[in-house]
Amino acid sequence: MKTRYVLILTAIAAAIAAASPFATQAQDPNAPVPGGMLRTMPHGTYQCALPGDAAGKAFEVVEAEQFRIGTASSYRSEGGRGVYIMRGDELTFTRGPRKGETFRRVGTNQLRKLENGVETKLLCTRLGGSG
């Protein structure tokens, strides 16, 4: 009788585990990471600018937007230090003075700022020789 009770409980526990939303990830170690593959950006100083016009400068640097990418997914800006995460081609500052800001990688050394998931005109480019 006791063995039958244990078998029934084991079967119920197995059914609950199989129905869990985490069961498929646990069973498939090759399943994609939600949001895309974790990546990093090349280290260095990123200068951010808005497009200019035909009558003047080609672009207008926005000093307040400049930041530096360092080791261990860290960044530094004029407001202080923080951490970022990059999933697929989307970078998000997760800690520090720029927490919550997001960018889309548009080139090896370029990030386009996003607002509500939509690309803005602000483009940040890694400066040469700042690796």
C-alpha atoms as a PDB file:
ATOM      1  CA  MET A   1       0.000   0.000   0.000  1.00  0.00           C
ATOM      2  CA  LYS A   2       2.777   2.407   0.965  1.00  0.00           C
ATOM      3  CA  THR A   3       4.724   1.609  -2.233  1.00  0.00           C
ATOM      4  CA  ARG A   4       1.645   2.288  -4.370  1.00  0.00           C
ATOM      5  CA  TYR A   5       1.182   5.686  -2.649  1.00  0.00           C
ATOM      6  CA  VAL A   6       4.828   6.622  -3.315  1.00  0.00           C
ATOM      7  CA  LEU A   7       4.492   5.603  -6.988  1.00  0.00           C
ATOM      8  CA  ILE A   8       1.362   7.736  -7.412  1.00  0.00           C
ATOM      9  CA  LEU A   9       3.069  10.784  -5.841  1.00  0.00           C
ATOM     10  CA  THR A  10       6.129  10.250  -8.048  1.00  0.00           C
ATOM     11  CA  ALA A  11       3.947  10.102 -11.178  1.00  0.00           C
ATOM     12  CA  ILE A  12       2.120  13.298 -10.173  1.00  0.00           C
ATOM     13  CA  ALA A  13       5.430  15.117  -9.506  1.00  0.00           C
ATOM     14  CA  ALA A  14       6.792  14.002 -12.897  1.00  0.00           C
ATOM     15  CA  ALA A  15       3.651  15.258 -14.667  1.00  0.00           C
ATOM     16  CA  ILE A  16       3.889  18.650 -12.947  1.00  0.00           C
ATOM     17  CA  ALA A  17       7.589  18.966 -13.833  1.00  0.00           C
ATOM     18  CA  ALA A  18       6.928  18.098 -17.484  1.00  0.00           C
ATOM     19  CA  ALA A  19       4.216  20.769 -17.694  1.00  0.00           C
ATOM     20  CA  SER A  20       6.494  23.458 -16.270  1.00  0.00           C
ATOM     21  CA  PRO A  21       7.450  26.287 -18.698  1.00  0.00           C
ATOM     22  CA  PHE A  22      11.090  25.732 -17.675  1.00  0.00           C
ATOM     23  CA  ALA A  23      11.039  22.057 -18.600  1.00  0.00           C
ATOM     24  CA  THR A  24      11.795  22.602 -22.289  1.00  0.00           C
ATOM     25  CA  GLN A  25      14.841  24.785 -21.513  1.00  0.00           C
ATOM     26  CA  ALA A  26      16.142  22.287 -18.985  1.00  0.00           C
ATOM     27  CA  GLN A  27      15.774  19.449 -21.498  1.00  0.00           C
ATOM     28  CA  ASP A  28      17.350  21.329 -24.435  1.00  0.00           C
ATOM     29  CA  PRO A  29      20.730  22.855 -23.546  1.00  0.00           C
ATOM     30  CA  ASN A  30      21.012  24.185 -27.121  1.00  0.00           C
ATOM     31  CA  ALA A  31      17.806  26.243 -26.864  1.00  0.00           C
ATOM     32  CA  PRO A  32      18.388  29.910 -27.819  1.00  0.00           C
ATOM     33  CA  VAL A  33      18.827  32.494 -25.066  1.00  0.00           C
ATOM     34  CA  PRO A  34      15.691  34.687 -24.823  1.00  0.00           C
ATOM     35  CA  GLY A  35      16.473  38.062 -26.415  1.00  0.00           C
ATOM     36  CA  GLY A  36      19.442  36.716 -28.364  1.00  0.00           C
ATOM     37  CA  MET A  37      23.002  35.604 -27.761  1.00  0.00           C
ATOM     38  CA  LEU A  38      24.936  37.429 -25.031  1.00  0.00           C
ATOM     39  CA  ARG A  39      27.674  39.600 -26.524  1.00  0.00           C
ATOM     40  CA  THR A  40      29.958  42.541 -25.708  1.00  0.00           C
ATOM     41  CA  MET A  41      31.026  45.675 -27.580  1.00  0.00           C
ATOM     42  CA  PRO A  42      34.646  46.547 -28.427  1.00  0.00           C
ATOM     43  CA  HIS A  43      36.318  48.490 -25.606  1.00  0.00           C
ATOM     44  CA  GLY A  44      36.938  52.179 -26.094  1.00  0.00           C
ATOM     45  CA  THR A  45      35.405  55.638 -26.121  1.00  0.00           C
ATOM     46  CA  TYR A  46      32.137  56.065 -28.019  1.00  0.00           C
ATOM     47  CA  GLN A  47      31.476  59.556 -29.347  1.00  0.00           C
ATOM     48  CA  CYS A  48      27.794  60.269 -30.009  1.00  0.00           C
ATOM     49  CA  ALA A  49      26.514  62.676 -32.631  1.00  0.00           C
ATOM     50  CA  LEU A  50      23.397  63.843 -34.433  1.00  0.00           C
ATOM     51  CA  PRO A  51      23.377  64.421 -38.197  1.00  0.00           C
ATOM     52  CA  GLY A  52      24.156  67.956 -39.359  1.00  0.00           C
ATOM     53  CA  ASP A  53      22.881  69.620 -42.513  1.00  0.00           C
ATOM     54  CA  ALA A  54      24.160  70.421 -45.993  1.00  0.00           C
ATOM     55  CA  ALA A  55      24.782  74.087 -45.119  1.00  0.00           C
ATOM     56  CA  GLY A  56      26.932  73.371 -42.059  1.00  0.00           C
ATOM     57  CA  LYS A  57      28.694  70.583 -40.244  1.00  0.00           C
ATOM     58  CA  ALA A  58      28.182  66.978 -41.327  1.00  0.00           C
ATOM     59  CA  PHE A  59      27.380  66.038 -37.721  1.00  0.00           C
ATOM     60  CA  GLU A  60      26.925  67.648 -34.301  1.00  0.00           C
ATOM     61  CA  VAL A  61      28.739  65.925 -31.409  1.00  0.00           C
ATOM     62  CA  VAL A  62      26.620  65.539 -28.264  1.00  0.00           C
ATOM     63  CA  GLU A  63      29.250  65.516 -25.482  1.00  0.00           C
ATOM     64  CA  ALA A  64      26.744  64.550 -22.752  1.00  0.00           C
ATOM     65  CA  GLU A  65      26.026  61.261 -24.550  1.00  0.00           C
ATOM     66  CA  GLN A  66      29.678  60.105 -24.776  1.00  0.00           C
ATOM     67  CA  PHE A  67      30.676  56.962 -22.856  1.00  0.00           C
ATOM     68  CA  ARG A  68      33.518  54.474 -22.589  1.00  0.00           C
ATOM     69  CA  ILE A  69      33.089  50.683 -22.749  1.00  0.00           C
ATOM     70  CA  GLY A  70      35.480  48.786 -20.481  1.00  0.00           C
ATOM     71  CA  THR A  71      36.094  45.220 -19.372  1.00  0.00           C
ATOM     72  CA  ALA A  72      33.518  42.946 -17.743  1.00  0.00           C
ATOM     73  CA  SER A  73      30.551  44.594 -19.534  1.00  0.00           C
ATOM     74  CA  SER A  74      31.223  47.889 -17.757  1.00  0.00           C
ATOM     75  CA  TYR A  75      30.906  51.463 -18.954  1.00  0.00           C
ATOM     76  CA  ARG A  76      31.859  54.927 -17.751  1.00  0.00           C
ATOM     77  CA  SER A  77      30.137  58.208 -18.605  1.00  0.00           C
ATOM     78  CA  GLU A  78      30.345  61.737 -17.207  1.00  0.00           C
ATOM     79  CA  GLY A  79      27.789  60.684 -14.569  1.00  0.00           C
ATOM     80  CA  GLY A  80      29.791  57.722 -13.267  1.00  0.00           C
ATOM     81  CA  ARG A  81      30.274  53.995 -13.815  1.00  0.00           C
ATOM     82  CA  GLY A  82      27.803  51.263 -14.628  1.00  0.00           C
ATOM     83  CA  VAL A  83      27.168  47.901 -16.272  1.00  0.00           C
ATOM     84  CA  TYR A  84      25.533  46.926 -19.550  1.00  0.00           C
ATOM     85  CA  ILE A  85      24.125  43.765 -21.101  1.00  0.00           C
ATOM     86  CA  MET A  86      24.076  43.044 -24.800  1.00  0.00           C
ATOM     87  CA  ARG A  87      21.590  40.477 -26.118  1.00  0.00           C
ATOM     88  CA  GLY A  88      21.779  39.917 -29.841  1.00  0.00           C
ATOM     89  CA  ASP A  89      22.208  43.394 -31.326  1.00  0.00           C
ATOM     90  CA  GLU A  90      20.554  45.293 -28.451  1.00  0.00           C
ATOM     91  CA  LEU A  91      22.631  46.905 -25.694  1.00  0.00           C
ATOM     92  CA  THR A  92      20.989  48.061 -22.447  1.00  0.00           C
ATOM     93  CA  PHE A  93      22.655  49.956 -19.613  1.00  0.00           C
ATOM     94  CA  THR A  94      21.466  47.999 -16.555  1.00  0.00           C
ATOM     95  CA  ARG A  95      23.231  49.840 -13.702  1.00  0.00           C
ATOM     96  CA  GLY A  96      24.705  53.245 -13.161  1.00  0.00           C
ATOM     97  CA  PRO A  97      23.803  56.747 -14.313  1.00  0.00           C
ATOM     98  CA  ARG A  98      22.481  55.636 -17.716  1.00  0.00           C
ATOM     99  CA  LYS A  99      20.384  52.729 -16.419  1.00  0.00           C
ATOM    100  CA  GLY A 100      17.515  51.900 -18.771  1.00  0.00           C
ATOM    101  CA  GLU A 101      18.989  53.484 -21.918  1.00  0.00           C
ATOM    102  CA  THR A 102      19.041  51.148 -24.924  1.00  0.00           C
ATOM    103  CA  PHE A 103      20.956  51.051 -28.192  1.00  0.00           C
ATOM    104  CA  ARG A 104      20.969  48.880 -31.320  1.00  0.00           C
ATOM    105  CA  ARG A 105      24.264  47.744 -32.785  1.00  0.00           C
ATOM    106  CA  VAL A 106      24.354  48.957 -36.389  1.00  0.00           C
ATOM    107  CA  GLY A 107      28.016  48.261 -37.143  1.00  0.00           C
ATOM    108  CA  THR A 108      31.098  46.689 -35.598  1.00  0.00           C
ATOM    109  CA  ASN A 109      31.859  49.929 -33.721  1.00  0.00           C
ATOM    110  CA  GLN A 110      28.526  51.755 -33.873  1.00  0.00           C
ATOM    111  CA  LEU A 111      25.396  51.954 -31.743  1.00  0.00           C
ATOM    112  CA  ARG A 112      22.147  53.756 -32.577  1.00  0.00           C
ATOM    113  CA  LYS A 113      20.162  55.025 -29.561  1.00  0.00           C
ATOM    114  CA  LEU A 114      16.634  53.655 -29.138  1.00  0.00           C
ATOM    115  CA  GLU A 115      13.618  55.341 -27.578  1.00  0.00           C
ATOM    116  CA  ASN A 116      10.659  53.045 -26.896  1.00  0.00           C
ATOM    117  CA  GLY A 117      12.263  50.471 -29.211  1.00  0.00           C
ATOM    118  CA  VAL A 118      12.497  52.908 -32.143  1.00  0.00           C
ATOM    119  CA  GLU A 119      15.846  54.058 -33.558  1.00  0.00           C
ATOM    120  CA  THR A 120      16.662  57.747 -33.012  1.00  0.00           C
ATOM    121  CA  LYS A 121      19.065  59.880 -35.043  1.00  0.00           C
ATOM    122  CA  LEU A 122      21.770  59.708 -32.336  1.00  0.00           C
ATOM    123  CA  LEU A 123      24.673  57.515 -33.508  1.00  0.00           C
ATOM    124  CA  CYS A 124      27.549  56.542 -31.208  1.00  0.00           C
ATOM    125  CA  THR A 125      30.812  55.507 -32.862  1.00  0.00           C
ATOM    126  CA  ARG A 126      33.923  54.058 -31.222  1.00  0.00           C
ATOM    127  CA  LEU A 127      36.844  56.401 -31.728  1.00  0.00           C
ATOM    128  CA  GLY A 128      39.957  54.936 -33.409  1.00  0.00           C
ATOM    129  CA  GLY A 129      42.921  54.135 -31.224  1.00  0.00           C
ATOM    130  CA  SER A 130      40.826  53.954 -28.039  1.00  0.00           C
ATOM    131  CA  GLY A 131      40.843  50.181 -27.646  1.00  0.00           C
END
